[in-house]
C-alpha atoms as a PDB file:
ATOM      1  CA  MET A   1      -8.460  16.663  11.498  1.00  0.00           C
ATOM      2  CA  GLY A   2      -8.405  18.267   8.074  1.00  0.00           C
ATOM      3  CA  ARG A   3     -10.224  21.441   9.079  1.00  0.00           C
ATOM      4  CA  LYS A   4      -8.653  21.992  12.491  1.00  0.00           C
ATOM      5  CA  TYR A   5      -5.041  20.921  11.837  1.00  0.00           C
ATOM      6  CA  ASN A   6      -4.940  21.063   8.029  1.00  0.00           C
ATOM      7  CA  ILE A   7      -3.797  17.416   7.911  1.00  0.00           C
ATOM      8  CA  GLN A   8      -5.388  15.059   5.421  1.00  0.00           C
ATOM      9  CA  PRO A   9      -5.891  11.591   6.943  1.00  0.00           C
ATOM     10  CA  THR A  10      -3.886   8.878   5.223  1.00  0.00           C
ATOM     11  CA  ILE A  11      -4.427   5.131   5.114  1.00  0.00           C
ATOM     12  CA  LYS A  12      -2.228   4.852   8.230  1.00  0.00           C
ATOM     13  CA  HIS A  13      -4.577   7.131  10.184  1.00  0.00           C
ATOM     14  CA  TYR A  14      -7.590   5.106   9.096  1.00  0.00           C
ATOM     15  CA  GLY A  15      -5.754   1.890   9.934  1.00  0.00           C
ATOM     16  CA  CYS A  16      -5.129   3.126  13.482  1.00  0.00           C
ATOM     17  CA  VAL A  17      -8.807   3.996  13.925  1.00  0.00           C
ATOM     18  CA  VAL A  18      -9.849   0.576  12.582  1.00  0.00           C
ATOM     19  CA  ASP A  19      -7.451  -1.040  15.064  1.00  0.00           C
ATOM     20  CA  LEU A  20      -8.834   1.010  17.976  1.00  0.00           C
ATOM     21  CA  LEU A  21     -12.439   0.262  17.036  1.00  0.00           C
ATOM     22  CA  GLY A  22     -11.606  -3.425  16.680  1.00  0.00           C
ATOM     23  CA  ARG A  23      -9.924  -3.557  20.080  1.00  0.00           C
ATOM     24  CA  ALA A  24     -12.999  -1.882  21.576  1.00  0.00           C
ATOM     25  CA  SER A  25     -15.191  -4.647  20.073  1.00  0.00           C
ATOM     26  CA  LEU A  26     -16.766  -2.168  17.635  1.00  0.00           C
ATOM     27  CA  VAL A  27     -16.031  -4.312  14.589  1.00  0.00           C
ATOM     28  CA  GLU A  28     -19.155  -3.303  12.632  1.00  0.00           C
ATOM     29  CA  GLU A  29     -18.220   0.362  13.069  1.00  0.00           C
ATOM     30  CA  ALA A  30     -14.697  -0.425  11.895  1.00  0.00           C
ATOM     31  CA  TYR A  31     -16.087  -2.175   8.809  1.00  0.00           C
ATOM     32  CA  ASN A  32     -18.377   0.791   8.069  1.00  0.00           C
ATOM     33  CA  LEU A  33     -15.398   3.126   8.363  1.00  0.00           C
ATOM     34  CA  ILE A  34     -13.470   1.004   5.861  1.00  0.00           C
ATOM     35  CA  LYS A  35     -16.390   1.110   3.424  1.00  0.00           C
ATOM     36  CA  THR A  36     -16.669   4.914   3.652  1.00  0.00           C
ATOM     37  CA  MET A  37     -12.973   5.858   3.673  1.00  0.00           C
ATOM     38  CA  PRO A  38     -12.060   8.412   0.998  1.00  0.00           C
ATOM     39  CA  VAL A  39      -8.778   6.542   0.402  1.00  0.00           C
ATOM     40  CA  GLU A  40      -8.488   3.077  -1.071  1.00  0.00           C
ATOM     41  CA  CYS A  41      -8.296   0.382   1.576  1.00  0.00           C
ATOM     42  CA  ASN A  42      -5.260  -1.904   1.645  1.00  0.00           C
ATOM     43  CA  ALA A  43      -4.732  -5.448   2.886  1.00  0.00           C
ATOM     44  CA  ILE A  44      -3.103  -4.316   6.138  1.00  0.00           C
ATOM     45  CA  VAL A  45      -6.201  -2.428   7.274  1.00  0.00           C
ATOM     46  CA  LEU A  46      -8.471  -5.315   6.270  1.00  0.00           C
ATOM     47  CA  ARG A  47      -6.214  -7.794   8.056  1.00  0.00           C
ATOM     48  CA  THR A  48      -6.386  -5.614  11.175  1.00  0.00           C
ATOM     49  CA  LEU A  49     -10.164  -5.905  11.058  1.00  0.00           C
ATOM     50  CA  LEU A  50      -9.938  -9.667  10.455  1.00  0.00           C
ATOM     51  CA  VAL A  51      -7.843 -10.010  13.619  1.00  0.00           C
ATOM     52  CA  ALA A  52     -10.499  -8.071  15.554  1.00  0.00           C
ATOM     53  CA  CYS A  53     -13.212 -10.336  14.120  1.00  0.00           C
ATOM     54  CA  ARG A  54     -11.222 -13.371  15.282  1.00  0.00           C
ATOM     55  CA  LEU A  55     -10.729 -11.837  18.721  1.00  0.00           C
ATOM     56  CA  HIS A  56     -14.427 -11.045  19.207  1.00  0.00           C
ATOM     57  CA  GLY A  57     -15.889 -14.087  17.398  1.00  0.00           C
ATOM     58  CA  CYS A  58     -17.553 -12.147  14.552  1.00  0.00           C
ATOM     59  CA  VAL A  59     -17.471 -14.970  12.024  1.00  0.00           C
ATOM     60  CA  GLU A  60     -19.879 -13.507   9.441  1.00  0.00           C
ATOM     61  CA  LEU A  61     -18.035 -10.205   9.247  1.00  0.00           C
ATOM     62  CA  GLY A  62     -14.735 -12.103   9.207  1.00  0.00           C
ATOM     63  CA  GLU A  63     -15.908 -14.002   6.135  1.00  0.00           C
ATOM     64  CA  LYS A  64     -16.785 -10.714   4.371  1.00  0.00           C
ATOM     65  CA  VAL A  65     -13.409  -9.234   5.216  1.00  0.00           C
ATOM     66  CA  ARG A  66     -11.690 -12.422   4.041  1.00  0.00           C
ATOM     67  CA  LYS A  67     -13.399 -12.131   0.638  1.00  0.00           C
ATOM     68  CA  HIS A  68     -11.988  -8.622   0.239  1.00  0.00           C
ATOM     69  CA  LEU A  69      -8.549  -9.892   1.255  1.00  0.00           C
ATOM     70  CA  LEU A  70      -8.725 -12.681  -1.334  1.00  0.00           C
ATOM     71  CA  GLU A  71      -9.122 -10.018  -4.020  1.00  0.00           C
ATOM     72  CA  LEU A  72      -6.107  -8.045  -2.781  1.00  0.00           C
ATOM     73  CA  GLU A  73      -3.672 -10.753  -1.630  1.00  0.00           C
ATOM     74  CA  PRO A  74      -4.906 -14.273  -2.378  1.00  0.00           C
ATOM     75  CA  ASP A  75      -1.711 -15.995  -1.217  1.00  0.00           C
ATOM     76  CA  HIS A  76      -1.182 -14.454   2.216  1.00  0.00           C
ATOM     77  CA  SER A  77      -1.045 -17.349   4.692  1.00  0.00           C
ATOM     78  CA  SER A  78      -2.161 -15.445   7.785  1.00  0.00           C
ATOM     79  CA  ASP A  79      -5.585 -14.743   6.251  1.00  0.00           C
ATOM     80  CA  TYR A  80      -6.259 -18.460   5.856  1.00  0.00           C
ATOM     81  CA  VAL A  81      -4.978 -19.204   9.349  1.00  0.00           C
ATOM     82  CA  LEU A  82      -7.012 -16.410  10.987  1.00  0.00           C
ATOM     83  CA  LEU A  83     -10.254 -17.530   9.365  1.00  0.00           C
ATOM     84  CA  ALA A  84      -9.575 -21.219  10.073  1.00  0.00           C
ATOM     85  CA  ASN A  85      -8.851 -20.399  13.728  1.00  0.00           C
ATOM     86  CA  MET A  86     -11.996 -18.301  13.889  1.00  0.00           C
ATOM     87  CA  TYR A  87     -14.013 -21.270  12.664  1.00  0.00           C
ATOM     88  CA  ALA A  88     -12.287 -23.593  15.138  1.00  0.00           C
ATOM     89  CA  SER A  89     -12.924 -21.296  18.102  1.00  0.00           C
ATOM     90  CA  THR A  90     -16.644 -21.249  17.287  1.00  0.00           C
ATOM     91  CA  GLY A  91     -16.842 -25.012  16.729  1.00  0.00           C
ATOM     92  CA  LYS A  92     -17.289 -24.843  12.936  1.00  0.00           C
ATOM     93  CA  TRP A  93     -14.966 -27.732  12.211  1.00  0.00           C
ATOM     94  CA  ASN A  94     -16.108 -28.413   8.632  1.00  0.00           C
ATOM     95  CA  GLU A  95     -15.488 -24.806   7.647  1.00  0.00           C
ATOM     96  CA  MET A  96     -12.117 -24.871   9.408  1.00  0.00           C
ATOM     97  CA  SER A  97     -11.091 -27.988   7.468  1.00  0.00           C
ATOM     98  CA  ARG A  98     -12.312 -26.440   4.208  1.00  0.00           C
ATOM     99  CA  GLU A  99     -10.178 -23.327   4.823  1.00  0.00           C
ATOM    100  CA  ARG A 100      -7.075 -25.411   5.598  1.00  0.00           C
ATOM    101  CA  ARG A 101      -7.661 -27.536   2.475  1.00  0.00           C
ATOM    102  CA  SER A 102      -8.053 -24.382   0.399  1.00  0.00           C
ATOM    103  CA  MET A 103      -4.701 -23.187   1.718  1.00  0.00           C
ATOM    104  CA  GLN A 104      -3.074 -26.498   0.757  1.00  0.00           C
ATOM    105  CA  GLN A 105      -4.705 -26.597  -2.689  1.00  0.00           C
ATOM    106  CA  ARG A 106      -3.425 -23.105  -3.484  1.00  0.00           C
ATOM    107  CA  LYS A 107      -0.014 -24.178  -2.147  1.00  0.00           C
ATOM    108  CA  VAL A 108       0.019 -21.287   0.320  1.00  0.00           C
ATOM    109  CA  GLN A 109       2.547 -21.875   3.088  1.00  0.00           C
ATOM    110  CA  LYS A 110       3.402 -20.104   6.298  1.00  0.00           C
ATOM    111  CA  PRO A 111       6.695 -18.229   5.976  1.00  0.00           C
ATOM    112  CA  GLU A 112       9.856 -19.706   7.457  1.00  0.00           C
ATOM    113  CA  PRO A 113      11.190 -18.150  10.671  1.00  0.00           C
ATOM    114  CA  ARG A 114      13.583 -15.394   9.711  1.00  0.00           C
ATOM    115  CA  ASN A 115      16.548 -13.641  11.246  1.00  0.00           C
ATOM    116  CA  SER A 116      15.629 -10.558  13.239  1.00  0.00           C
ATOM    117  CA  PHE A 117      17.767  -7.529  13.922  1.00  0.00           C
ATOM    118  CA  ILE A 118      17.069  -5.272  16.872  1.00  0.00           C
ATOM    119  CA  GLY A 119      18.092  -1.728  15.948  1.00  0.00           C
ATOM    120  CA  ILE A 120      19.251   0.640  18.661  1.00  0.00           C
ATOM    121  CA  PRO A 121      20.954   3.819  17.405  1.00  0.00           C
ATOM    122  CA  GLY A 122      24.685   3.611  17.975  1.00  0.00           C
ATOM    123  CA  LEU A 123      24.615  -0.045  19.066  1.00  0.00           C
ATOM    124  CA  ARG A 124      25.122  -3.066  16.856  1.00  0.00           C
ATOM    125  CA  LEU A 125      23.617  -6.208  18.309  1.00  0.00           C
ATOM    126  CA  GLU A 126      25.432  -9.344  17.280  1.00  0.00           C
ATOM    127  CA  LYS A 127      24.806 -12.893  18.387  1.00  0.00           C
ATOM    128  CA  GLY A 128      26.875 -12.543  21.574  1.00  0.00           C
ATOM    129  CA  THR A 129      25.210  -9.247  22.454  1.00  0.00           C
ATOM    130  CA  ILE A 130      21.747 -10.736  21.934  1.00  0.00           C
ATOM    131  CA  ALA A 131      22.660 -13.725  24.116  1.00  0.00           C
ATOM    132  CA  THR A 132      23.813 -11.322  26.854  1.00  0.00           C
ATOM    133  CA  LEU A 133      20.595  -9.320  26.486  1.00  0.00           C
ATOM    134  CA  PHE A 134      18.455 -12.455  26.809  1.00  0.00           C
ATOM    135  CA  SER A 135      20.524 -13.575  29.785  1.00  0.00           C
ATOM    136  CA  ARG A 136      19.914 -10.263  31.566  1.00  0.00           C
ATOM    137  CA  LEU A 137      16.197 -10.380  30.756  1.00  0.00           C
ATOM    138  CA  ILE A 138      15.997 -13.852  32.289  1.00  0.00           C
ATOM    139  CA  GLN A 139      17.881 -12.693  35.413  1.00  0.00           C
ATOM    140  CA  ASP A 140      15.531  -9.700  35.730  1.00  0.00           C
ATOM    141  CA  GLY A 141      12.535 -12.023  35.516  1.00  0.00           C
ATOM    142  CA  ALA A 142      11.299 -10.671  32.183  1.00  0.00           C
ATOM    143  CA  PHE A 143      11.434 -14.113  30.563  1.00  0.00           C
ATOM    144  CA  GLN A 144      10.731 -17.597  31.778  1.00  0.00           C
ATOM    145  CA  SER A 145      13.613 -19.226  33.589  1.00  0.00           C
ATOM    146  CA  GLN A 146      15.192 -20.467  30.385  1.00  0.00           C
ATOM    147  CA  LEU A 147      15.127 -20.175  26.650  1.00  0.00           C
ATOM    148  CA  ILE A 148      14.482 -23.267  24.622  1.00  0.00           C
ATOM    149  CA  ASN A 149      17.124 -23.843  21.942  1.00  0.00           C
ATOM    150  CA  ARG A 150      15.781 -26.162  19.289  1.00  0.00           C
ATOM    151  CA  GLU A 151      18.133 -28.171  17.095  1.00  0.00           C
ATOM    152  CA  ASP A 152      17.160 -26.104  14.036  1.00  0.00           C
ATOM    153  CA  GLY A 153      18.593 -22.965  15.654  1.00  0.00           C
ATOM    154  CA  VAL A 154      15.308 -21.360  16.694  1.00  0.00           C
ATOM    155  CA  ALA A 155      15.353 -19.787  20.155  1.00  0.00           C
ATOM    156  CA  CYS A 156      11.978 -19.647  21.890  1.00  0.00           C
ATOM    157  CA  GLY A 157      10.831 -17.998  25.098  1.00  0.00           C
ATOM    158  CA  SER A 158       7.992 -16.044  26.666  1.00  0.00           C
ATOM    159  CA  CYS A 159       7.763 -12.583  28.162  1.00  0.00           C
ATOM    160  CA  LEU A 160       5.950 -12.621  31.489  1.00  0.00           C
ATOM    161  CA  ASN A 161       5.826  -8.944  32.480  1.00  0.00           C
ATOM    162  CA  ALA A 162       2.973  -6.529  31.683  1.00  0.00           C
ATOM    163  CA  PHE A 163       1.746  -8.612  28.763  1.00  0.00           C
ATOM    164  CA  SER A 164       2.289 -12.087  27.427  1.00  0.00           C
ATOM    165  CA  VAL A 165       4.377 -12.421  24.294  1.00  0.00           C
ATOM    166  CA  THR A 166       5.867 -15.575  22.894  1.00  0.00           C
ATOM    167  CA  PHE A 167       8.838 -15.129  20.618  1.00  0.00           C
ATOM    168  CA  SER A 168      10.694 -17.324  18.233  1.00  0.00           C
ATOM    169  CA  CYS A 169      13.753 -16.185  16.327  1.00  0.00           C
ATOM    170  CA  LYS A 170      16.176 -17.902  14.006  1.00  0.00           C
ATOM    171  CA  VAL A 171      19.774 -17.541  15.075  1.00  0.00           C
ATOM    172  CA  ASN A 172      23.015 -18.801  13.636  1.00  0.00           C
ATOM    173  CA  GLY A 173      24.028 -21.330  16.251  1.00  0.00           C
ATOM    174  CA  PRO A 174      22.768 -21.826  19.798  1.00  0.00           C
ATOM    175  CA  VAL A 175      21.979 -18.927  22.084  1.00  0.00           C
ATOM    176  CA  MET A 176      24.147 -19.205  25.204  1.00  0.00           C
ATOM    177  CA  VAL A 177      22.423 -18.045  28.385  1.00  0.00           C
END
């Protein structure tokens, strides 16, 4: 990349390669790439590898990656949750409980649901516009037949098209569909 196109790879380039290797179940290769990168690794790249370890059941490597993440960002809730879920999916219940207790002892909490804003150039999406958008997506069959409006103002639904995505967003008031 550097010789042919005169572009020096940045952490974002390395992060993309780690993600691709992880998705291809080449988690050891991704870890070796991280160890040999000429740029300093950040928590995002390590977390990408931790997700791949969770996906492919590589508990030992996941534990190594988690130790690196503890040095960089000791209070990031998703790291605790990913490792605990990795333990649970492999039947290591004692380790899963220990990870959850560690999260509680450090008083690390999952973040609250937040407001989201969908940005489309030249279009401002307000609550009514978002409700109309969701309504059209439901009519087109992109979402399940209805959204669930919880009393705390969180709208939940699932995308059923090419891939499965569950969403949850905090809105001010109920979403009318």
